[in-house]
Amino acid sequence: TTDPYFRDWEATRKNTFIQLAAGGYHSAAVASDGYV
């Protein structure tokens, strides 16, 4: 997709994720850059 909401996600290609969490209908992850 070219949706602008995904711009921040493109930056995560340089990082890896280190922790996951899942709610009822949403998800979250901590990246190696320290951001959620």
Full PDB file with SEQRES, HELIX, SHEET, SSBOND, CRYST1, ORIGX, SCALE, CONECT and MASTER records, all heavy atoms in Angstrom:
SEQRES   1 A   36  THR THR ASP PRO TYR PHE ARG ASP TRP GLU ALA THR ARG          
SEQRES   2 A   36  LYS ASN THR PHE ILE GLN LEU ALA ALA GLY GLY TYR HIS          
SEQRES   3 A   36  SER ALA ALA VAL ALA SER ASP GLY TYR VAL                      
HELIX    1 AA1 PRO A    4  PHE A    6  5                                   3    
HELIX    2 AA2 ARG A    7  ALA A   11  1                                   5    
HELIX    3 AA3 THR A   12  LYS A   14  5                                   3    
SHEET    1 AA1 2 PHE A  17  ALA A  22  0                                        
SHEET    2 AA1 2 SER A  27  ALA A  31 -1                                        
CRYST1    1.000    1.000    1.000  90.00  90.00  90.00 P 1           1          
ORIGX1      1.000000  0.000000  0.000000        0.00000                         
ORIGX2      0.000000  1.000000  0.000000        0.00000                         
ORIGX3      0.000000  0.000000  1.000000        0.00000                         
SCALE1      1.000000  0.000000  0.000000        0.00000                         
SCALE2      0.000000  1.000000  0.000000        0.00000                         
SCALE3      0.000000  0.000000  1.000000        0.00000                         
ATOM      1  N   THR A   1       0.831  -1.196   0.000  1.00  0.00           N  
ATOM      2  CA  THR A   1       0.000   0.000   0.000  1.00  0.00           C  
ATOM      3  C   THR A   1       0.868   1.250   0.000  1.00  0.00           C  
ATOM      4  O   THR A   1       2.037   1.213   0.384  1.00  0.00           O  
ATOM      5  CB  THR A   1      -0.923   0.029   1.235  1.00  0.00           C  
ATOM      6  OG1 THR A   1      -1.727   1.198   1.190  1.00  0.00           O  
ATOM      7  CG2 THR A   1      -0.121   0.029   2.518  1.00  0.00           C  
ATOM      8  N   THR A   2       0.291   2.349  -0.442  1.00  0.00           N  
ATOM      9  CA  THR A   2       0.982   3.637  -0.392  1.00  0.00           C  
ATOM     10  C   THR A   2       0.340   4.544   0.656  1.00  0.00           C  
ATOM     11  O   THR A   2       0.599   5.738   0.689  1.00  0.00           O  
ATOM     12  CB  THR A   2       0.919   4.320  -1.772  1.00  0.00           C  
ATOM     13  OG1 THR A   2      -0.461   4.463  -2.155  1.00  0.00           O  
ATOM     14  CG2 THR A   2       1.665   3.508  -2.815  1.00  0.00           C  
ATOM     15  N   ASP A   3      -0.507   3.975   1.497  1.00  0.00           N  
ATOM     16  CA  ASP A   3      -1.198   4.741   2.529  1.00  0.00           C  
ATOM     17  C   ASP A   3      -0.174   5.479   3.401  1.00  0.00           C  
ATOM     18  O   ASP A   3       0.789   4.884   3.889  1.00  0.00           O  
ATOM     19  CB  ASP A   3      -2.025   3.784   3.397  1.00  0.00           C  
ATOM     20  CG  ASP A   3      -2.995   4.534   4.311  1.00  0.00           C  
ATOM     21  OD1 ASP A   3      -2.558   5.492   4.968  1.00  0.00           O  
ATOM     22  OD2 ASP A   3      -4.174   4.139   4.356  1.00  0.00           O  
ATOM     23  N   PRO A   4      -0.345   6.799   3.627  1.00  0.00           N  
ATOM     24  CA  PRO A   4       0.638   7.551   4.426  1.00  0.00           C  
ATOM     25  C   PRO A   4       0.781   7.058   5.853  1.00  0.00           C  
ATOM     26  O   PRO A   4       1.790   7.304   6.506  1.00  0.00           O  
ATOM     27  CB  PRO A   4       0.083   8.994   4.394  1.00  0.00           C  
ATOM     28  CG  PRO A   4      -1.362   8.851   4.044  1.00  0.00           C  
ATOM     29  CD  PRO A   4      -1.419   7.669   3.122  1.00  0.00           C  
ATOM     30  N   TYR A   5      -0.234   6.353   6.388  1.00  0.00           N  
ATOM     31  CA  TYR A   5      -0.126   5.825   7.744  1.00  0.00           C  
ATOM     32  C   TYR A   5       1.031   4.838   7.880  1.00  0.00           C  
ATOM     33  O   TYR A   5       1.492   4.555   8.984  1.00  0.00           O  
ATOM     34  CB  TYR A   5      -1.419   5.117   8.154  1.00  0.00           C  
ATOM     35  CG  TYR A   5      -2.515   6.054   8.610  1.00  0.00           C  
ATOM     36  CD1 TYR A   5      -3.727   6.103   7.932  1.00  0.00           C  
ATOM     37  CD2 TYR A   5      -2.335   6.882   9.711  1.00  0.00           C  
ATOM     38  CE1 TYR A   5      -4.742   6.956   8.344  1.00  0.00           C  
ATOM     39  CE2 TYR A   5      -3.336   7.742  10.128  1.00  0.00           C  
ATOM     40  CZ  TYR A   5      -4.545   7.771   9.447  1.00  0.00           C  
ATOM     41  OH  TYR A   5      -5.539   8.613   9.849  1.00  0.00           O  
ATOM     42  N   PHE A   6       1.521   4.318   6.756  1.00  0.00           N  
ATOM     43  CA  PHE A   6       2.544   3.288   6.809  1.00  0.00           C  
ATOM     44  C   PHE A   6       3.957   3.857   6.742  1.00  0.00           C  
ATOM     45  O   PHE A   6       4.915   3.107   6.760  1.00  0.00           O  
ATOM     46  CB  PHE A   6       2.341   2.288   5.666  1.00  0.00           C  
ATOM     47  CG  PHE A   6       1.090   1.481   5.802  1.00  0.00           C  
ATOM     48  CD1 PHE A   6      -0.107   1.932   5.289  1.00  0.00           C  
ATOM     49  CD2 PHE A   6       1.092   0.274   6.475  1.00  0.00           C  
ATOM     50  CE1 PHE A   6      -1.273   1.206   5.429  1.00  0.00           C  
ATOM     51  CE2 PHE A   6      -0.064  -0.454   6.619  1.00  0.00           C  
ATOM     52  CZ  PHE A   6      -1.247   0.010   6.094  1.00  0.00           C  
ATOM     53  N   ARG A   7       4.078   5.185   6.700  1.00  0.00           N  
ATOM     54  CA  ARG A   7       5.413   5.767   6.588  1.00  0.00           C  
ATOM     55  C   ARG A   7       6.298   5.378   7.764  1.00  0.00           C  
ATOM     56  O   ARG A   7       7.461   5.024   7.599  1.00  0.00           O  
ATOM     57  CB  ARG A   7       5.307   7.298   6.496  1.00  0.00           C  
ATOM     58  CG  ARG A   7       4.716   7.784   5.174  1.00  0.00           C  
ATOM     59  CD  ARG A   7       4.509   9.293   5.207  1.00  0.00           C  
ATOM     60  NE  ARG A   7       3.840   9.759   3.998  1.00  0.00           N  
ATOM     61  CZ  ARG A   7       3.273  10.953   3.888  1.00  0.00           C  
ATOM     62  NH1 ARG A   7       3.297  11.787   4.924  1.00  0.00           N  
ATOM     63  NH2 ARG A   7       2.684  11.316   2.769  1.00  0.00           N  
ATOM     64  N   ASP A   8       5.739   5.470   8.983  1.00  0.00           N  
ATOM     65  CA  ASP A   8       6.531   5.115  10.162  1.00  0.00           C  
ATOM     66  C   ASP A   8       6.923   3.651  10.135  1.00  0.00           C  
ATOM     67  O   ASP A   8       7.978   3.260  10.634  1.00  0.00           O  
ATOM     68  CB  ASP A   8       5.764   5.431  11.445  1.00  0.00           C  
ATOM     69  CG  ASP A   8       5.650   6.923  11.695  1.00  0.00           C  
ATOM     70  OD1 ASP A   8       6.448   7.672  11.111  1.00  0.00           O  
ATOM     71  OD2 ASP A   8       4.765   7.326  12.462  1.00  0.00           O  
ATOM     72  N   TRP A   9       6.047   2.824   9.569  1.00  0.00           N  
ATOM     73  CA  TRP A   9       6.351   1.396   9.519  1.00  0.00           C  
ATOM     74  C   TRP A   9       7.512   1.109   8.579  1.00  0.00           C  
ATOM     75  O   TRP A   9       8.264   0.165   8.803  1.00  0.00           O  
ATOM     76  CB  TRP A   9       5.112   0.617   9.077  1.00  0.00           C  
ATOM     77  CG  TRP A   9       4.181   0.385  10.208  1.00  0.00           C  
ATOM     78  CD1 TRP A   9       3.115   1.142  10.552  1.00  0.00           C  
ATOM     79  CD2 TRP A   9       4.251  -0.663  11.174  1.00  0.00           C  
ATOM     80  NE1 TRP A   9       2.505   0.633  11.676  1.00  0.00           N  
ATOM     81  CE2 TRP A   9       3.185  -0.477  12.075  1.00  0.00           C  
ATOM     82  CE3 TRP A   9       5.113  -1.747  11.358  1.00  0.00           C  
ATOM     83  CZ2 TRP A   9       2.947  -1.323  13.136  1.00  0.00           C  
ATOM     84  CZ3 TRP A   9       4.890  -2.596  12.421  1.00  0.00           C  
ATOM     85  CH2 TRP A   9       3.817  -2.381  13.295  1.00  0.00           C  
ATOM     86  N   GLU A  10       7.655   1.913   7.542  1.00  0.00           N  
ATOM     87  CA  GLU A  10       8.772   1.699   6.620  1.00  0.00           C  
ATOM     88  C   GLU A  10      10.101   1.845   7.352  1.00  0.00           C  
ATOM     89  O   GLU A  10      11.073   1.167   7.052  1.00  0.00           O  
ATOM     90  CB  GLU A  10       8.687   2.686   5.454  1.00  0.00           C  
ATOM     91  CG  GLU A  10       7.557   2.381   4.488  1.00  0.00           C  
ATOM     92  CD  GLU A  10       7.658   0.964   3.929  1.00  0.00           C  
ATOM     93  OE1 GLU A  10       8.731   0.596   3.423  1.00  0.00           O  
ATOM     94  OE2 GLU A  10       6.671   0.224   4.035  1.00  0.00           O  
ATOM     95  N   ALA A  11      10.131   2.751   8.333  1.00  0.00           N  
ATOM     96  CA  ALA A  11      11.359   2.958   9.098  1.00  0.00           C  
ATOM     97  C   ALA A  11      11.720   1.727   9.909  1.00  0.00           C  
ATOM     98  O   ALA A  11      12.890   1.488  10.213  1.00  0.00           O  
ATOM     99  CB  ALA A  11      11.201   4.169  10.019  1.00  0.00           C  
ATOM    100  N   THR A  12      10.729   0.924  10.271  1.00  0.00           N  
ATOM    101  CA  THR A  12      11.013  -0.250  11.103  1.00  0.00           C  
ATOM    102  C   THR A  12      11.740  -1.334  10.326  1.00  0.00           C  
ATOM    103  O   THR A  12      12.227  -2.295  10.917  1.00  0.00           O  
ATOM    104  CB  THR A  12       9.722  -0.846  11.688  1.00  0.00           C  
ATOM    105  OG1 THR A  12       8.922  -1.385  10.627  1.00  0.00           O  
ATOM    106  CG2 THR A  12       8.935   0.189  12.448  1.00  0.00           C  
ATOM    107  N   ARG A  13      11.810  -1.211   9.028  1.00  0.00           N  
ATOM    108  CA  ARG A  13      12.567  -2.204   8.259  1.00  0.00           C  
ATOM    109  C   ARG A  13      14.031  -2.194   8.664  1.00  0.00           C  
ATOM    110  O   ARG A  13      14.754  -3.164   8.462  1.00  0.00           O  
ATOM    111  CB  ARG A  13      12.428  -1.937   6.760  1.00  0.00           C  
ATOM    112  CG  ARG A  13      11.019  -2.159   6.228  1.00  0.00           C  
ATOM    113  CD  ARG A  13      10.955  -1.914   4.735  1.00  0.00           C  
ATOM    114  NE  ARG A  13       9.607  -2.030   4.222  1.00  0.00           N  
ATOM    115  CZ  ARG A  13       9.028  -3.172   3.881  1.00  0.00           C  
ATOM    116  NH1 ARG A  13       9.682  -4.303   4.009  1.00  0.00           N  
ATOM    117  NH2 ARG A  13       7.800  -3.188   3.413  1.00  0.00           N  
ATOM    118  N   LYS A  14      14.489  -1.063   9.233  1.00  0.00           N  
ATOM    119  CA  LYS A  14      15.877  -0.966   9.688  1.00  0.00           C  
ATOM    120  C   LYS A  14      16.029  -1.537  11.095  1.00  0.00           C  
ATOM    121  O   LYS A  14      17.148  -1.692  11.580  1.00  0.00           O  
ATOM    122  CB  LYS A  14      16.322   0.496   9.679  1.00  0.00           C  
ATOM    123  CG  LYS A  14      16.233   1.154   8.300  1.00  0.00           C  
ATOM    124  CD  LYS A  14      16.611   2.620   8.384  1.00  0.00           C  
ATOM    125  CE  LYS A  14      16.475   3.299   7.028  1.00  0.00           C  
ATOM    126  NZ  LYS A  14      16.808   4.747   7.112  1.00  0.00           N  
ATOM    127  N   ASN A  15      14.911  -1.803  11.766  1.00  0.00           N  
ATOM    128  CA  ASN A  15      14.926  -2.308  13.126  1.00  0.00           C  
ATOM    129  C   ASN A  15      14.410  -3.739  13.175  1.00  0.00           C  
ATOM    130  O   ASN A  15      13.947  -4.287  12.179  1.00  0.00           O  
ATOM    131  CB  ASN A  15      14.040  -1.440  14.029  1.00  0.00           C  
ATOM    132  CG  ASN A  15      14.464  -0.004  14.035  1.00  0.00           C  
ATOM    133  OD1 ASN A  15      15.602   0.300  14.347  1.00  0.00           O  
ATOM    134  ND2 ASN A  15      13.556   0.894  13.695  1.00  0.00           N  
ATOM    135  N   THR A  16      14.482  -4.319  14.339  1.00  0.00           N  
ATOM    136  CA  THR A  16      13.793  -5.586  14.598  1.00  0.00           C  
ATOM    137  C   THR A  16      12.876  -5.357  15.788  1.00  0.00           C  
ATOM    138  O   THR A  16      13.039  -4.394  16.540  1.00  0.00           O  
ATOM    139  CB  THR A  16      14.784  -6.712  14.916  1.00  0.00           C  
ATOM    140  OG1 THR A  16      15.593  -6.326  16.040  1.00  0.00           O  
ATOM    141  CG2 THR A  16      15.674  -7.024  13.728  1.00  0.00           C  
ATOM    142  N   PHE A  17      11.912  -6.228  15.943  1.00  0.00           N  
ATOM    143  CA  PHE A  17      11.005  -6.131  17.078  1.00  0.00           C  
ATOM    144  C   PHE A  17      11.474  -7.059  18.189  1.00  0.00           C  
ATOM    145  O   PHE A  17      12.121  -8.087  17.928  1.00  0.00           O  
ATOM    146  CB  PHE A  17       9.578  -6.461  16.647  1.00  0.00           C  
ATOM    147  CG  PHE A  17       8.976  -5.407  15.764  1.00  0.00           C  
ATOM    148  CD1 PHE A  17       8.975  -5.551  14.386  1.00  0.00           C  
ATOM    149  CD2 PHE A  17       8.428  -4.270  16.319  1.00  0.00           C  
ATOM    150  CE1 PHE A  17       8.434  -4.570  13.568  1.00  0.00           C  
ATOM    151  CE2 PHE A  17       7.874  -3.277  15.509  1.00  0.00           C  
ATOM    152  CZ  PHE A  17       7.883  -3.430  14.130  1.00  0.00           C  
ATOM    153  N   ILE A  18      11.156  -6.711  19.428  1.00  0.00           N  
ATOM    154  CA  ILE A  18      11.662  -7.489  20.555  1.00  0.00           C  
ATOM    155  C   ILE A  18      10.564  -7.978  21.497  1.00  0.00           C  
ATOM    156  O   ILE A  18      10.805  -8.856  22.323  1.00  0.00           O  
ATOM    157  CB  ILE A  18      12.705  -6.688  21.360  1.00  0.00           C  
ATOM    158  CG1 ILE A  18      12.114  -5.353  21.834  1.00  0.00           C  
ATOM    159  CG2 ILE A  18      13.949  -6.440  20.515  1.00  0.00           C  
ATOM    160  CD1 ILE A  18      13.077  -4.513  22.665  1.00  0.00           C  
ATOM    161  N   GLN A  19       9.345  -7.413  21.384  1.00  0.00           N  
ATOM    162  CA  GLN A  19       8.269  -7.849  22.280  1.00  0.00           C  
ATOM    163  C   GLN A  19       6.918  -7.576  21.634  1.00  0.00           C  
ATOM    164  O   GLN A  19       6.737  -6.577  20.938  1.00  0.00           O  
ATOM    165  CB  GLN A  19       8.356  -7.124  23.618  1.00  0.00           C  
ATOM    166  CG  GLN A  19       7.396  -7.654  24.672  1.00  0.00           C  
ATOM    167  CD  GLN A  19       7.612  -6.988  26.021  1.00  0.00           C  
ATOM    168  OE1 GLN A  19       8.487  -6.159  26.188  1.00  0.00           O  
ATOM    169  NE2 GLN A  19       6.799  -7.354  26.995  1.00  0.00           N  
ATOM    170  N   LEU A  20       5.964  -8.494  21.880  1.00  0.00           N  
ATOM    171  CA  LEU A  20       4.636  -8.404  21.288  1.00  0.00           C  
ATOM    172  C   LEU A  20       3.553  -8.310  22.352  1.00  0.00           C  
ATOM    173  O   LEU A  20       3.720  -8.776  23.477  1.00  0.00           O  
ATOM    174  CB  LEU A  20       4.348  -9.651  20.437  1.00  0.00           C  
ATOM    175  CG  LEU A  20       5.259  -9.967  19.267  1.00  0.00           C  
ATOM    176  CD1 LEU A  20       4.839 -11.288  18.642  1.00  0.00           C  
ATOM    177  CD2 LEU A  20       5.231  -8.851  18.256  1.00  0.00           C  
ATOM    178  N   ALA A  21       2.417  -7.738  21.962  1.00  0.00           N  
ATOM    179  CA  ALA A  21       1.213  -7.744  22.789  1.00  0.00           C  
ATOM    180  C   ALA A  21       0.009  -7.708  21.856  1.00  0.00           C  
ATOM    181  O   ALA A  21       0.043  -7.061  20.805  1.00  0.00           O  
ATOM    182  CB  ALA A  21       1.189  -6.549  23.737  1.00  0.00           C  
ATOM    183  N   ALA A  22      -1.052  -8.425  22.228  1.00  0.00           N  
ATOM    184  CA  ALA A  22      -2.268  -8.449  21.421  1.00  0.00           C  
ATOM    185  C   ALA A  22      -3.478  -8.243  22.314  1.00  0.00           C  
ATOM    186  O   ALA A  22      -3.619  -8.901  23.346  1.00  0.00           O  
ATOM    187  CB  ALA A  22      -2.391  -9.779  20.673  1.00  0.00           C  
ATOM    188  N   GLY A  23      -4.359  -7.320  21.909  1.00  0.00           N  
ATOM    189  CA  GLY A  23      -5.619  -7.113  22.613  1.00  0.00           C  
ATOM    190  C   GLY A  23      -6.736  -7.797  21.849  1.00  0.00           C  
ATOM    191  O   GLY A  23      -6.496  -8.674  21.018  1.00  0.00           O  
ATOM    192  N   GLY A  24      -7.963  -7.376  22.108  1.00  0.00           N  
ATOM    193  CA  GLY A  24      -9.081  -7.994  21.425  1.00  0.00           C  
ATOM    194  C   GLY A  24      -9.016  -7.825  19.926  1.00  0.00           C  
ATOM    195  O   GLY A  24      -9.059  -8.797  19.166  1.00  0.00           O  
ATOM    196  N   TYR A  25      -8.871  -6.575  19.469  1.00  0.00           N  
ATOM    197  CA  TYR A  25      -8.844  -6.292  18.032  1.00  0.00           C  
ATOM    198  C   TYR A  25      -7.731  -5.305  17.687  1.00  0.00           C  
ATOM    199  O   TYR A  25      -7.843  -4.559  16.719  1.00  0.00           O  
ATOM    200  CB  TYR A  25     -10.203  -5.733  17.586  1.00  0.00           C  
ATOM    201  CG  TYR A  25     -11.331  -6.722  17.792  1.00  0.00           C  
ATOM    202  CD1 TYR A  25     -12.127  -6.646  18.929  1.00  0.00           C  
ATOM    203  CD2 TYR A  25     -11.570  -7.733  16.877  1.00  0.00           C  
ATOM    204  CE1 TYR A  25     -13.152  -7.562  19.145  1.00  0.00           C  
ATOM    205  CE2 TYR A  25     -12.588  -8.651  17.079  1.00  0.00           C  
ATOM    206  CZ  TYR A  25     -13.377  -8.560  18.212  1.00  0.00           C  
ATOM    207  OH  TYR A  25     -14.383  -9.477  18.419  1.00  0.00           O  
ATOM    208  N   HIS A  26      -6.686  -5.287  18.483  1.00  0.00           N  
ATOM    209  CA  HIS A  26      -5.541  -4.447  18.169  1.00  0.00           C  
ATOM    210  C   HIS A  26      -4.271  -5.159  18.599  1.00  0.00           C  
ATOM    211  O   HIS A  26      -4.314  -6.151  19.336  1.00  0.00           O  
ATOM    212  CB  HIS A  26      -5.655  -3.081  18.869  1.00  0.00           C  
ATOM    213  CG  HIS A  26      -5.556  -3.158  20.360  1.00  0.00           C  
ATOM    214  ND1 HIS A  26      -6.572  -3.634  21.163  1.00  0.00           N  
ATOM    215  CD2 HIS A  26      -4.543  -2.819  21.213  1.00  0.00           C  
ATOM    216  CE1 HIS A  26      -6.208  -3.577  22.429  1.00  0.00           C  
ATOM    217  NE2 HIS A  26      -4.979  -3.096  22.487  1.00  0.00           N  
ATOM    218  N   SER A  27      -3.134  -4.663  18.108  1.00  0.00           N  
ATOM    219  CA  SER A  27      -1.848  -5.281  18.401  1.00  0.00           C  
ATOM    220  C   SER A  27      -0.798  -4.197  18.641  1.00  0.00           C  
ATOM    221  O   SER A  27      -0.951  -3.058  18.195  1.00  0.00           O  
ATOM    222  CB  SER A  27      -1.397  -6.170  17.233  1.00  0.00           C  
ATOM    223  OG  SER A  27      -2.355  -7.163  16.950  1.00  0.00           O  
ATOM    224  N   ALA A  28       0.271  -4.579  19.333  1.00  0.00           N  
ATOM    225  CA  ALA A  28       1.354  -3.641  19.606  1.00  0.00           C  
ATOM    226  C   ALA A  28       2.666  -4.404  19.694  1.00  0.00           C  
ATOM    227  O   ALA A  28       2.692  -5.609  19.993  1.00  0.00           O  
ATOM    228  CB  ALA A  28       1.096  -2.880  20.912  1.00  0.00           C  
ATOM    229  N   ALA A  29       3.757  -3.697  19.421  1.00  0.00           N  
ATOM    230  CA  ALA A  29       5.076  -4.325  19.488  1.00  0.00           C  
ATOM    231  C   ALA A  29       6.117  -3.275  19.844  1.00  0.00           C  
ATOM    232  O   ALA A  29       6.009  -2.112  19.440  1.00  0.00           O  
ATOM    233  CB  ALA A  29       5.428  -4.975  18.157  1.00  0.00           C  
ATOM    234  N   VAL A  30       7.120  -3.690  20.614  1.00  0.00           N  
ATOM    235  CA  VAL A  30       8.261  -2.837  20.940  1.00  0.00           C  
ATOM    236  C   VAL A  30       9.365  -3.142  19.935  1.00  0.00           C  
ATOM    237  O   VAL A  30       9.709  -4.305  19.706  1.00  0.00           O  
ATOM    238  CB  VAL A  30       8.771  -3.100  22.367  1.00  0.00           C  
ATOM    239  CG1 VAL A  30       9.982  -2.224  22.666  1.00  0.00           C  
ATOM    240  CG2 VAL A  30       7.666  -2.846  23.383  1.00  0.00           C  
ATOM    241  N   ALA A  31       9.902  -2.091  19.313  1.00  0.00           N  
ATOM    242  CA  ALA A  31      10.980  -2.260  18.337  1.00  0.00           C  
ATOM    243  C   ALA A  31      12.328  -2.011  18.989  1.00  0.00           C  
ATOM    244  O   ALA A  31      12.418  -1.467  20.102  1.00  0.00           O  
ATOM    245  CB  ALA A  31      10.775  -1.307  17.162  1.00  0.00           C  
ATOM    246  N   SER A  32      13.380  -2.399  18.293  1.00  0.00           N  
ATOM    247  CA  SER A  32      14.730  -2.236  18.832  1.00  0.00           C  
ATOM    248  C   SER A  32      15.126  -0.772  18.959  1.00  0.00           C  
ATOM    249  O   SER A  32      16.113  -0.452  19.635  1.00  0.00           O  
ATOM    250  CB  SER A  32      15.734  -2.977  17.950  1.00  0.00           C  
ATOM    251  OG  SER A  32      15.654  -2.535  16.602  1.00  0.00           O  
ATOM    252  N   ASP A  33      14.371   0.148  18.320  1.00  0.00           N  
ATOM    253  CA  ASP A  33      14.659   1.572  18.484  1.00  0.00           C  
ATOM    254  C   ASP A  33      14.006   2.147  19.736  1.00  0.00           C  
ATOM    255  O   ASP A  33      14.120   3.333  20.028  1.00  0.00           O  
ATOM    256  CB  ASP A  33      14.214   2.362  17.249  1.00  0.00           C  
ATOM    257  CG  ASP A  33      12.716   2.247  16.963  1.00  0.00           C  
ATOM    258  OD1 ASP A  33      11.999   1.635  17.782  1.00  0.00           O  
ATOM    259  OD2 ASP A  33      12.271   2.747  15.912  1.00  0.00           O  
ATOM    260  N   GLY A  34      13.263   1.297  20.501  1.00  0.00           N  
ATOM    261  CA  GLY A  34      12.645   1.731  21.743  1.00  0.00           C  
ATOM    262  C   GLY A  34      11.236   2.245  21.607  1.00  0.00           C  
ATOM    263  O   GLY A  34      10.569   2.507  22.610  1.00  0.00           O  
ATOM    264  N   TYR A  35      10.751   2.372  20.375  1.00  0.00           N  
ATOM    265  CA  TYR A  35       9.395   2.863  20.156  1.00  0.00           C  
ATOM    266  C   TYR A  35       8.388   1.715  20.148  1.00  0.00           C  
ATOM    267  O   TYR A  35       8.729   0.577  19.807  1.00  0.00           O  
ATOM    268  CB  TYR A  35       9.303   3.623  18.829  1.00  0.00           C  
ATOM    269  CG  TYR A  35       9.959   4.989  18.857  1.00  0.00           C  
ATOM    270  CD1 TYR A  35      11.251   5.164  18.365  1.00  0.00           C  
ATOM    271  CD2 TYR A  35       9.287   6.086  19.380  1.00  0.00           C  
ATOM    272  CE1 TYR A  35      11.870   6.411  18.396  1.00  0.00           C  
ATOM    273  CE2 TYR A  35       9.897   7.343  19.410  1.00  0.00           C  
ATOM    274  CZ  TYR A  35      11.183   7.497  18.919  1.00  0.00           C  
ATOM    275  OH  TYR A  35      11.786   8.718  18.963  1.00  0.00           O  
ATOM    276  N   VAL A  36       7.156   2.039  20.524  1.00  0.00           N  
ATOM    277  CA  VAL A  36       6.056   1.087  20.457  1.00  0.00           C  
ATOM    278  C   VAL A  36       5.252   1.373  19.193  1.00  0.00           C  
ATOM    279  O   VAL A  36       4.879   2.527  18.938  1.00  0.00           O  
ATOM    280  CB  VAL A  36       5.136   1.191  21.690  1.00  0.00           C  
ATOM    281  CG1 VAL A  36       3.923   0.281  21.534  1.00  0.00           C  
ATOM    282  CG2 VAL A  36       5.909   0.833  22.954  1.00  0.00           C  
TER     283      VAL A  36                                                      
MASTER        0    0    0    3    2    0    0    6  282    1    0    3          
END                                                                             
